[in-house]
Amino acid sequence: MRKLFFISLLLFGCNESSSNENTPKYYYDLAGFINQQISQLSKNQPITWKNLLIGEKTESIQTKDIDWKKELELFLQADLNKQSYQLSYTKDSTQNKVVYQLKKGENLPVKVLKIEFDQENSPKHIDALIQVANYLYKSEKNLSMDLDKKQLKNYQIKGWQELFIGQKKNFKMIGVVGK
């Protein structure tokens, strides 16, 4: 259980607050969608299988006891509808996919957000790349999420973190949501 606490610190230690509900929506409302998932998962408490890898250490658990707001916090951070993000991304879209790419010269943590939609125009796959670099800390987080009929099926967070006084630590978390 101590490892789970560590991975939480590792993944969420340096985050930015979620978007404000009053902020105009220039981009897809990822935060609104993720908050719907959090509400649904918190209500249903499905069995979830989690595999964690930090460096060379692995841990696997099966649980119904998940704080989904904390579990999906990084996906909330990938939402682009923050005041400081307005007009900072290019948009490339097709009928069933949208890709937001950080514009050259911009310095924001979310570098890329990709969303694929099903026939009902609901997200079926989400990918995001978050990179942070400052004097004390560097990190990269690759997020992905698969959904079926608006229901989360699995999610993955992988990447690395490096403190200025330490070594680079690789991590990976995979969650598979049951019924």
N, C-alpha and C. Protein backbone atom coordinates (compact mmCIF):
# COMPACT_ATOMS: atom_id res chain seq x y z
N MET A 1 0.82 -1.19 0.00
CA MET A 1 0.00 0.00 0.00
C MET A 1 0.87 1.26 0.00
N ARG A 2 2.06 1.16 0.60
CA ARG A 2 2.96 2.31 0.62
C ARG A 2 3.37 2.67 -0.80
N LYS A 3 3.51 1.65 -1.66
CA LYS A 3 3.87 1.91 -3.05
C LYS A 3 2.77 2.70 -3.76
N LEU A 4 1.53 2.37 -3.45
CA LEU A 4 0.42 3.10 -4.07
C LEU A 4 0.45 4.57 -3.66
N PHE A 5 0.79 4.83 -2.39
CA PHE A 5 0.92 6.20 -1.94
C PHE A 5 2.05 6.90 -2.70
N PHE A 6 3.17 6.21 -2.88
CA PHE A 6 4.30 6.78 -3.59
C PHE A 6 3.93 7.09 -5.03
N ILE A 7 3.25 6.16 -5.69
CA ILE A 7 2.88 6.40 -7.08
C ILE A 7 1.94 7.60 -7.18
N SER A 8 1.07 7.77 -6.19
CA SER A 8 0.19 8.94 -6.19
C SER A 8 1.00 10.23 -6.11
N LEU A 9 1.99 10.25 -5.23
CA LEU A 9 2.85 11.43 -5.13
C LEU A 9 3.62 11.64 -6.43
N LEU A 10 4.11 10.56 -6.99
CA LEU A 10 4.88 10.63 -8.22
C LEU A 10 4.04 11.20 -9.35
N LEU A 11 2.83 10.70 -9.49
CA LEU A 11 1.98 11.10 -10.61
C LEU A 11 1.36 12.48 -10.41
N PHE A 12 1.00 12.81 -9.19
CA PHE A 12 0.21 14.01 -8.98
C PHE A 12 0.93 15.10 -8.21
N GLY A 13 2.19 14.92 -7.93
CA GLY A 13 2.95 15.84 -7.09
C GLY A 13 2.98 17.26 -7.61
N CYS A 14 3.14 17.45 -8.87
CA CYS A 14 3.23 18.80 -9.44
C CYS A 14 2.13 18.96 -10.47
N ASN A 15 0.98 19.41 -10.02
CA ASN A 15 -0.12 19.53 -10.95
C ASN A 15 -0.68 20.93 -10.98
N GLU A 16 -1.48 21.17 -11.98
CA GLU A 16 -2.14 22.46 -12.14
C GLU A 16 -3.61 22.24 -11.87
N SER A 17 -4.27 23.22 -11.33
CA SER A 17 -5.68 23.06 -11.00
C SER A 17 -6.51 22.80 -12.25
N SER A 18 -7.62 22.12 -12.04
CA SER A 18 -8.52 21.80 -13.14
C SER A 18 -9.18 23.05 -13.68
N SER A 19 -9.77 22.92 -14.84
CA SER A 19 -10.36 24.10 -15.48
C SER A 19 -11.55 24.62 -14.69
N ASN A 20 -11.80 25.87 -14.82
CA ASN A 20 -12.89 26.54 -14.16
C ASN A 20 -14.15 26.35 -15.00
N GLU A 21 -15.26 26.07 -14.33
CA GLU A 21 -16.52 25.85 -15.07
C GLU A 21 -16.95 27.09 -15.84
N ASN A 22 -16.52 28.27 -15.41
CA ASN A 22 -16.92 29.51 -16.07
C ASN A 22 -16.04 29.86 -17.27
N THR A 23 -14.95 29.13 -17.47
CA THR A 23 -14.06 29.40 -18.59
C THR A 23 -14.74 28.98 -19.89
N PRO A 24 -14.73 29.84 -20.92
CA PRO A 24 -15.33 29.44 -22.20
C PRO A 24 -14.65 28.19 -22.76
N LYS A 25 -15.39 27.37 -23.48
CA LYS A 25 -14.88 26.11 -24.00
C LYS A 25 -14.42 26.29 -25.44
N TYR A 26 -13.11 26.56 -25.61
CA TYR A 26 -12.53 26.69 -26.95
C TYR A 26 -12.24 25.32 -27.55
N TYR A 27 -12.03 24.35 -26.69
CA TYR A 27 -11.63 23.01 -27.10
C TYR A 27 -12.65 22.01 -26.58
N TYR A 28 -12.47 20.74 -26.95
CA TYR A 28 -13.38 19.71 -26.45
C TYR A 28 -13.38 19.74 -24.92
N ASP A 29 -14.55 19.60 -24.31
CA ASP A 29 -14.69 19.67 -22.85
C ASP A 29 -14.28 18.34 -22.21
N LEU A 30 -12.97 18.11 -22.18
CA LEU A 30 -12.44 16.87 -21.60
C LEU A 30 -12.75 16.80 -20.11
N ALA A 31 -12.61 17.91 -19.40
CA ALA A 31 -12.87 17.91 -17.96
C ALA A 31 -14.32 17.52 -17.68
N GLY A 32 -15.26 18.04 -18.44
CA GLY A 32 -16.66 17.68 -18.26
C GLY A 32 -16.88 16.19 -18.48
N PHE A 33 -16.25 15.65 -19.53
CA PHE A 33 -16.39 14.23 -19.82
C PHE A 33 -15.75 13.37 -18.72
N ILE A 34 -14.55 13.73 -18.28
CA ILE A 34 -13.86 12.96 -17.24
C ILE A 34 -14.64 13.05 -15.92
N ASN A 35 -15.19 14.22 -15.61
CA ASN A 35 -15.98 14.35 -14.38
C ASN A 35 -17.23 13.47 -14.42
N GLN A 36 -17.83 13.29 -15.61
CA GLN A 36 -18.95 12.35 -15.75
C GLN A 36 -18.48 10.93 -15.45
N GLN A 37 -17.30 10.57 -15.96
CA GLN A 37 -16.74 9.24 -15.69
C GLN A 37 -16.49 9.06 -14.19
N ILE A 38 -15.91 10.07 -13.57
CA ILE A 38 -15.62 10.01 -12.13
C ILE A 38 -16.91 9.79 -11.34
N SER A 39 -17.95 10.53 -11.69
CA SER A 39 -19.23 10.40 -11.00
C SER A 39 -19.81 8.99 -11.17
N GLN A 40 -19.79 8.50 -12.40
CA GLN A 40 -20.34 7.17 -12.68
C GLN A 40 -19.53 6.07 -11.98
N LEU A 41 -18.20 6.15 -12.05
CA LEU A 41 -17.35 5.14 -11.43
C LEU A 41 -17.44 5.19 -9.91
N SER A 42 -17.54 6.38 -9.34
CA SER A 42 -17.67 6.52 -7.88
C SER A 42 -18.97 5.91 -7.40
N LYS A 43 -20.01 6.07 -8.18
CA LYS A 43 -21.33 5.51 -7.83
C LYS A 43 -21.33 3.98 -7.94
N ASN A 44 -20.78 3.45 -9.03
CA ASN A 44 -20.83 2.00 -9.29
C ASN A 44 -19.73 1.20 -8.60
N GLN A 45 -18.60 1.83 -8.30
CA GLN A 45 -17.44 1.17 -7.67
C GLN A 45 -17.13 -0.20 -8.30
N PRO A 46 -16.80 -0.20 -9.61
CA PRO A 46 -16.50 -1.49 -10.27
C PRO A 46 -15.17 -2.06 -9.78
N ILE A 47 -15.04 -3.37 -9.88
CA ILE A 47 -13.76 -4.01 -9.58
C ILE A 47 -12.76 -3.51 -10.63
N THR A 48 -11.60 -3.13 -10.17
CA THR A 48 -10.57 -2.62 -11.07
C THR A 48 -9.26 -3.34 -10.78
N TRP A 49 -8.60 -3.77 -11.84
CA TRP A 49 -7.30 -4.43 -11.74
C TRP A 49 -6.26 -3.38 -12.11
N LYS A 50 -5.30 -3.19 -11.20
CA LYS A 50 -4.25 -2.19 -11.44
C LYS A 50 -2.89 -2.86 -11.38
N ASN A 51 -2.07 -2.53 -12.36
CA ASN A 51 -0.67 -2.96 -12.37
C ASN A 51 0.19 -1.71 -12.32
N LEU A 52 1.11 -1.67 -11.37
CA LEU A 52 1.99 -0.53 -11.18
C LEU A 52 3.42 -0.97 -11.38
N LEU A 53 4.18 -0.15 -12.06
CA LEU A 53 5.61 -0.39 -12.25
C LEU A 53 6.34 0.91 -11.96
N ILE A 54 7.23 0.87 -10.98
CA ILE A 54 8.07 2.02 -10.66
C ILE A 54 9.50 1.53 -10.69
N GLY A 55 10.26 2.03 -11.65
CA GLY A 55 11.62 1.51 -11.83
C GLY A 55 11.55 0.04 -12.17
N GLU A 56 12.13 -0.80 -11.32
CA GLU A 56 12.11 -2.25 -11.53
C GLU A 56 11.07 -2.95 -10.65
N LYS A 57 10.37 -2.22 -9.81
CA LYS A 57 9.42 -2.81 -8.87
C LYS A 57 8.02 -2.79 -9.46
N THR A 58 7.32 -3.92 -9.29
CA THR A 58 5.95 -4.02 -9.78
C THR A 58 5.01 -4.40 -8.65
N GLU A 59 3.76 -4.02 -8.82
CA GLU A 59 2.72 -4.37 -7.87
C GLU A 59 1.41 -4.51 -8.63
N SER A 60 0.64 -5.52 -8.29
CA SER A 60 -0.67 -5.73 -8.90
C SER A 60 -1.72 -5.81 -7.80
N ILE A 61 -2.83 -5.15 -8.02
CA ILE A 61 -3.93 -5.23 -7.06
C ILE A 61 -5.26 -5.33 -7.80
N GLN A 62 -6.24 -5.82 -7.08
CA GLN A 62 -7.62 -5.85 -7.56
C GLN A 62 -8.44 -5.21 -6.45
N THR A 63 -9.21 -4.18 -6.79
CA THR A 63 -9.94 -3.45 -5.75
C THR A 63 -11.20 -2.79 -6.29
N LYS A 64 -12.13 -2.55 -5.38
CA LYS A 64 -13.29 -1.71 -5.67
C LYS A 64 -13.14 -0.36 -5.00
N ASP A 65 -12.17 -0.26 -4.10
CA ASP A 65 -11.98 0.93 -3.27
C ASP A 65 -11.01 1.90 -3.94
N ILE A 66 -11.52 2.70 -4.88
CA ILE A 66 -10.69 3.66 -5.61
C ILE A 66 -11.32 5.03 -5.50
N ASP A 67 -10.50 6.01 -5.20
CA ASP A 67 -10.93 7.40 -5.24
C ASP A 67 -10.76 7.84 -6.68
N TRP A 68 -11.84 7.80 -7.45
CA TRP A 68 -11.75 8.04 -8.89
C TRP A 68 -11.34 9.46 -9.24
N LYS A 69 -11.63 10.42 -8.38
CA LYS A 69 -11.19 11.79 -8.65
C LYS A 69 -9.67 11.85 -8.64
N LYS A 70 -9.03 11.20 -7.68
CA LYS A 70 -7.57 11.16 -7.64
C LYS A 70 -7.03 10.27 -8.76
N GLU A 71 -7.71 9.18 -9.01
CA GLU A 71 -7.24 8.21 -10.01
C GLU A 71 -7.17 8.82 -11.41
N LEU A 72 -8.14 9.67 -11.73
CA LEU A 72 -8.21 10.26 -13.08
C LEU A 72 -7.79 11.72 -13.11
N GLU A 73 -7.14 12.19 -12.05
CA GLU A 73 -6.71 13.59 -11.95
C GLU A 73 -5.87 14.04 -13.13
N LEU A 74 -4.94 13.20 -13.58
CA LEU A 74 -4.09 13.60 -14.70
C LEU A 74 -4.89 13.81 -15.98
N PHE A 75 -5.95 13.04 -16.16
CA PHE A 75 -6.79 13.25 -17.34
C PHE A 75 -7.52 14.59 -17.24
N LEU A 76 -7.89 14.99 -16.02
CA LEU A 76 -8.48 16.32 -15.82
C LEU A 76 -7.45 17.40 -16.15
N GLN A 77 -6.20 17.16 -15.79
CA GLN A 77 -5.14 18.13 -16.08
C GLN A 77 -4.91 18.29 -17.58
N ALA A 78 -5.26 17.29 -18.36
CA ALA A 78 -5.07 17.35 -19.81
C ALA A 78 -6.15 18.18 -20.51
N ASP A 79 -7.16 18.63 -19.77
CA ASP A 79 -8.20 19.47 -20.36
C ASP A 79 -7.58 20.80 -20.80
N LEU A 80 -7.93 21.24 -21.97
CA LEU A 80 -7.34 22.46 -22.55
C LEU A 80 -8.15 23.72 -22.30
N ASN A 81 -9.30 23.60 -21.67
CA ASN A 81 -10.18 24.75 -21.46
C ASN A 81 -9.84 25.50 -20.17
N LYS A 82 -8.59 25.89 -20.06
CA LYS A 82 -8.14 26.74 -18.96
C LYS A 82 -7.89 28.12 -19.54
N GLN A 83 -8.09 29.12 -18.73
CA GLN A 83 -7.94 30.50 -19.21
C GLN A 83 -6.58 30.71 -19.88
N SER A 84 -5.52 30.21 -19.24
CA SER A 84 -4.17 30.45 -19.77
C SER A 84 -3.87 29.64 -21.04
N TYR A 85 -4.74 28.69 -21.40
CA TYR A 85 -4.50 27.85 -22.56
C TYR A 85 -5.22 28.36 -23.81
N GLN A 86 -6.10 29.34 -23.66
CA GLN A 86 -6.91 29.80 -24.77
C GLN A 86 -6.04 30.18 -25.95
N LEU A 87 -6.39 29.69 -27.11
CA LEU A 87 -5.75 30.00 -28.38
C LEU A 87 -4.30 29.53 -28.47
N SER A 88 -3.89 28.56 -27.64
CA SER A 88 -2.51 28.07 -27.63
C SER A 88 -2.33 26.79 -28.42
N TYR A 89 -3.39 26.26 -29.00
CA TYR A 89 -3.33 24.96 -29.67
C TYR A 89 -3.88 25.04 -31.09
N THR A 90 -3.28 24.24 -31.97
CA THR A 90 -3.85 24.06 -33.30
C THR A 90 -4.82 22.89 -33.21
N LYS A 91 -5.78 22.88 -34.09
CA LYS A 91 -6.79 21.82 -34.11
C LYS A 91 -6.81 21.18 -35.48
N ASP A 92 -6.67 19.85 -35.50
CA ASP A 92 -6.78 19.09 -36.73
C ASP A 92 -7.86 18.05 -36.49
N SER A 93 -8.92 18.10 -37.27
CA SER A 93 -10.02 17.17 -37.00
C SER A 93 -10.55 16.52 -38.27
N THR A 94 -11.08 15.33 -38.06
CA THR A 94 -11.80 14.60 -39.09
C THR A 94 -13.17 14.28 -38.51
N GLN A 95 -13.94 13.48 -39.20
CA GLN A 95 -15.28 13.15 -38.75
C GLN A 95 -15.27 12.47 -37.38
N ASN A 96 -14.27 11.62 -37.11
CA ASN A 96 -14.28 10.87 -35.85
C ASN A 96 -13.01 11.03 -35.02
N LYS A 97 -12.26 12.11 -35.24
CA LYS A 97 -11.02 12.31 -34.49
C LYS A 97 -10.67 13.79 -34.44
N VAL A 98 -10.14 14.22 -33.28
CA VAL A 98 -9.64 15.59 -33.16
C VAL A 98 -8.27 15.51 -32.48
N VAL A 99 -7.34 16.32 -32.99
CA VAL A 99 -5.99 16.37 -32.43
C VAL A 99 -5.68 17.84 -32.14
N TYR A 100 -5.34 18.11 -30.89
CA TYR A 100 -4.90 19.44 -30.49
C TYR A 100 -3.41 19.37 -30.24
N GLN A 101 -2.66 20.27 -30.88
CA GLN A 101 -1.20 20.30 -30.79
C GLN A 101 -0.80 21.68 -30.27
N LEU A 102 0.09 21.72 -29.28
CA LEU A 102 0.58 22.98 -28.74
C LEU A 102 1.30 23.75 -29.86
N LYS A 103 0.98 25.03 -29.99
CA LYS A 103 1.61 25.85 -31.02
C LYS A 103 3.08 26.10 -30.68
N LYS A 104 3.90 26.26 -31.73
CA LYS A 104 5.31 26.58 -31.53
C LYS A 104 5.42 27.89 -30.76
N GLY A 105 6.38 27.94 -29.85
CA GLY A 105 6.61 29.13 -29.05
C GLY A 105 5.80 29.17 -27.76
N GLU A 106 4.82 28.28 -27.63
CA GLU A 106 4.02 28.21 -26.40
C GLU A 106 4.72 27.26 -25.42
N ASN A 107 4.57 27.54 -24.13
CA ASN A 107 5.20 26.71 -23.10
C ASN A 107 4.16 26.29 -22.07
N LEU A 108 3.35 25.32 -22.43
CA LEU A 108 2.32 24.78 -21.54
C LEU A 108 2.57 23.28 -21.36
N PRO A 109 2.13 22.70 -20.26
CA PRO A 109 2.44 21.29 -20.00
C PRO A 109 1.77 20.30 -20.96
N VAL A 110 0.55 20.57 -21.39
CA VAL A 110 -0.13 19.65 -22.30
C VAL A 110 0.39 19.91 -23.71
N LYS A 111 1.12 18.95 -24.24
CA LYS A 111 1.73 19.12 -25.57
C LYS A 111 0.79 18.66 -26.68
N VAL A 112 0.10 17.54 -26.45
CA VAL A 112 -0.80 16.97 -27.45
C VAL A 112 -2.00 16.34 -26.75
N LEU A 113 -3.18 16.52 -27.32
CA LEU A 113 -4.39 15.84 -26.88
C LEU A 113 -5.09 15.29 -28.11
N LYS A 114 -5.31 13.97 -28.12
CA LYS A 114 -6.00 13.31 -29.23
C LYS A 114 -7.24 12.61 -28.69
N ILE A 115 -8.35 12.78 -29.40
CA ILE A 115 -9.59 12.14 -29.00
C ILE A 115 -10.22 11.51 -30.24
N GLU A 116 -10.51 10.21 -30.14
CA GLU A 116 -11.24 9.50 -31.19
C GLU A 116 -12.66 9.27 -30.70
N PHE A 117 -13.63 9.43 -31.61
CA PHE A 117 -15.03 9.33 -31.26
C PHE A 117 -15.68 8.12 -31.91
N ASP A 118 -16.73 7.60 -31.26
CA ASP A 118 -17.50 6.49 -31.82
C ASP A 118 -18.60 7.07 -32.73
N GLN A 119 -19.50 6.21 -33.21
CA GLN A 119 -20.56 6.65 -34.13
C GLN A 119 -21.54 7.60 -33.46
N GLU A 120 -21.61 7.57 -32.12
CA GLU A 120 -22.51 8.46 -31.39
C GLU A 120 -21.82 9.75 -30.95
N ASN A 121 -20.62 9.97 -31.46
CA ASN A 121 -19.81 11.15 -31.16
C ASN A 121 -19.38 11.24 -29.70
N SER A 122 -19.23 10.09 -29.06
CA SER A 122 -18.69 10.01 -27.70
C SER A 122 -17.25 9.52 -27.78
N PRO A 123 -16.39 9.99 -26.90
CA PRO A 123 -14.99 9.54 -26.93
C PRO A 123 -14.89 8.02 -26.77
N LYS A 124 -14.07 7.40 -27.62
CA LYS A 124 -13.78 5.97 -27.47
C LYS A 124 -12.30 5.75 -27.16
N HIS A 125 -11.46 6.74 -27.46
CA HIS A 125 -10.04 6.66 -27.12
C HIS A 125 -9.49 8.07 -26.92
N ILE A 126 -8.74 8.23 -25.84
CA ILE A 126 -8.13 9.53 -25.52
C ILE A 126 -6.64 9.30 -25.26
N ASP A 127 -5.81 10.14 -25.87
CA ASP A 127 -4.37 10.16 -25.64
C ASP A 127 -3.95 11.57 -25.30
N ALA A 128 -3.01 11.71 -24.36
CA ALA A 128 -2.47 13.03 -24.04
C ALA A 128 -1.01 12.89 -23.66
N LEU A 129 -0.25 13.92 -23.96
CA LEU A 129 1.15 14.00 -23.57
C LEU A 129 1.31 15.25 -22.72
N ILE A 130 1.80 15.06 -21.48
CA ILE A 130 2.04 16.16 -20.56
C ILE A 130 3.52 16.17 -20.21
N GLN A 131 4.17 17.31 -20.42
CA GLN A 131 5.59 17.46 -20.07
C GLN A 131 5.77 18.70 -19.20
N VAL A 132 6.55 18.54 -18.15
CA VAL A 132 6.85 19.65 -17.25
C VAL A 132 8.35 19.71 -17.06
N ALA A 133 8.91 20.90 -17.13
CA ALA A 133 10.34 21.10 -16.88
C ALA A 133 10.53 22.43 -16.18
N ASN A 134 11.17 22.38 -15.03
CA ASN A 134 11.56 23.60 -14.33
C ASN A 134 12.88 23.35 -13.63
N TYR A 135 13.31 24.25 -12.77
CA TYR A 135 14.62 24.13 -12.13
C TYR A 135 14.73 22.92 -11.21
N LEU A 136 13.63 22.49 -10.64
CA LEU A 136 13.66 21.41 -9.65
C LEU A 136 13.19 20.07 -10.18
N TYR A 137 12.49 20.06 -11.28
CA TYR A 137 11.70 18.89 -11.63
C TYR A 137 11.49 18.80 -13.14
N LYS A 138 11.61 17.60 -13.68
CA LYS A 138 11.25 17.32 -15.07
C LYS A 138 10.39 16.08 -15.08
N SER A 139 9.39 16.06 -15.93
CA SER A 139 8.56 14.86 -16.03
C SER A 139 7.89 14.80 -17.39
N GLU A 140 7.53 13.59 -17.75
CA GLU A 140 6.75 13.34 -18.95
C GLU A 140 5.73 12.28 -18.59
N LYS A 141 4.47 12.52 -18.98
CA LYS A 141 3.39 11.58 -18.71
C LYS A 141 2.61 11.36 -19.99
N ASN A 142 2.50 10.12 -20.40
CA ASN A 142 1.68 9.73 -21.55
C ASN A 142 0.42 9.08 -20.99
N LEU A 143 -0.71 9.66 -21.30
CA LEU A 143 -1.99 9.17 -20.80
C LEU A 143 -2.78 8.55 -21.93
N SER A 144 -3.46 7.46 -21.64
CA SER A 144 -4.39 6.91 -22.63
C SER A 144 -5.57 6.30 -21.90
N MET A 145 -6.70 6.31 -22.59
CA MET A 145 -7.94 5.82 -22.01
C MET A 145 -8.78 5.23 -23.13
N ASP A 146 -9.34 4.05 -22.90
CA ASP A 146 -10.25 3.42 -23.85
C ASP A 146 -11.63 3.32 -23.22
N LEU A 147 -12.64 3.62 -24.03
CA LEU A 147 -14.02 3.60 -23.56
C LEU A 147 -14.88 2.82 -24.54
N ASP A 148 -15.97 2.28 -24.04
CA ASP A 148 -16.94 1.60 -24.87
C ASP A 148 -18.32 2.04 -24.41
N LYS A 149 -19.09 2.62 -25.29
CA LYS A 149 -20.42 3.12 -24.97
C LYS A 149 -20.40 4.03 -23.75
N LYS A 150 -19.50 4.99 -23.77
CA LYS A 150 -19.34 6.02 -22.73
C LYS A 150 -18.89 5.45 -21.39
N GLN A 151 -18.36 4.22 -21.37
CA GLN A 151 -17.92 3.60 -20.13
C GLN A 151 -16.43 3.32 -20.20
N LEU A 152 -15.71 3.73 -19.17
CA LEU A 152 -14.27 3.50 -19.10
C LEU A 152 -13.99 2.01 -19.04
N LYS A 153 -13.11 1.53 -19.92
CA LYS A 153 -12.72 0.12 -19.95
C LYS A 153 -11.30 -0.07 -19.42
N ASN A 154 -10.39 0.81 -19.85
CA ASN A 154 -9.02 0.74 -19.34
C ASN A 154 -8.35 2.09 -19.51
N TYR A 155 -7.28 2.27 -18.73
CA TYR A 155 -6.53 3.51 -18.77
C TYR A 155 -5.08 3.20 -18.45
N GLN A 156 -4.21 4.06 -18.93
CA GLN A 156 -2.78 3.85 -18.72
C GLN A 156 -2.09 5.20 -18.55
N ILE A 157 -1.17 5.23 -17.62
CA ILE A 157 -0.33 6.41 -17.41
C ILE A 157 1.10 5.89 -17.35
N LYS A 158 1.93 6.37 -18.26
CA LYS A 158 3.32 5.95 -18.23
C LYS A 158 4.20 7.15 -18.48
N GLY A 159 5.41 7.07 -17.99
CA GLY A 159 6.32 8.18 -18.19
C GLY A 159 7.51 8.10 -17.27
N TRP A 160 8.03 9.28 -16.95
CA TRP A 160 9.20 9.36 -16.07
C TRP A 160 9.18 10.68 -15.32
N GLN A 161 9.95 10.69 -14.26
CA GLN A 161 10.10 11.89 -13.43
C GLN A 161 11.55 11.97 -12.99
N GLU A 162 12.08 13.18 -12.95
CA GLU A 162 13.46 13.37 -12.51
C GLU A 162 13.54 14.64 -11.68
N LEU A 163 13.97 14.48 -10.44
CA LEU A 163 14.23 15.63 -9.58
C LEU A 163 15.66 16.07 -9.82
N PHE A 164 15.97 17.34 -9.59
CA PHE A 164 17.31 17.84 -9.91
C PHE A 164 18.39 17.14 -9.10
N ILE A 165 18.07 16.56 -7.95
CA ILE A 165 19.07 15.88 -7.12
C ILE A 165 18.99 14.36 -7.24
N GLY A 166 18.15 13.85 -8.09
CA GLY A 166 17.96 12.41 -8.16
C GLY A 166 18.10 11.86 -9.56
N GLN A 167 17.84 10.58 -9.63
CA GLN A 167 17.88 9.89 -10.92
C GLN A 167 16.49 9.85 -11.54
N LYS A 168 16.47 9.65 -12.81
CA LYS A 168 15.21 9.52 -13.54
C LYS A 168 14.50 8.26 -13.07
N LYS A 169 13.23 8.38 -12.76
CA LYS A 169 12.40 7.24 -12.34
C LYS A 169 11.32 7.03 -13.39
N ASN A 170 11.30 5.84 -13.95
CA ASN A 170 10.26 5.47 -14.90
C ASN A 170 9.09 4.87 -14.13
N PHE A 171 7.89 5.09 -14.64
CA PHE A 171 6.71 4.51 -14.01
C PHE A 171 5.68 4.17 -15.08
N LYS A 172 4.80 3.25 -14.70
CA LYS A 172 3.71 2.86 -15.58
C LYS A 172 2.58 2.33 -14.70
N MET A 173 1.38 2.77 -14.99
CA MET A 173 0.21 2.26 -14.29
C MET A 173 -0.84 1.89 -15.35
N ILE A 174 -1.34 0.70 -15.23
CA ILE A 174 -2.40 0.24 -16.13
C ILE A 174 -3.58 -0.14 -15.27
N GLY A 175 -4.76 0.36 -15.61
CA GLY A 175 -5.98 0.00 -14.91
C GLY A 175 -6.98 -0.59 -15.89
N VAL A 176 -7.59 -1.69 -15.48
CA VAL A 176 -8.63 -2.34 -16.28
C VAL A 176 -9.89 -2.37 -15.42
N VAL A 177 -10.94 -1.73 -15.91
CA VAL A 177 -12.16 -1.58 -15.16
C VAL A 177 -13.14 -2.69 -15.51
N GLY A 178 -13.60 -3.40 -14.48
CA GLY A 178 -14.59 -4.47 -14.67
C GLY A 178 -15.99 -3.93 -14.55
N LYS A 179 -16.92 -4.83 -14.37
CA LYS A 179 -18.33 -4.42 -14.25
C LYS A 179 -18.77 -4.41 -12.82
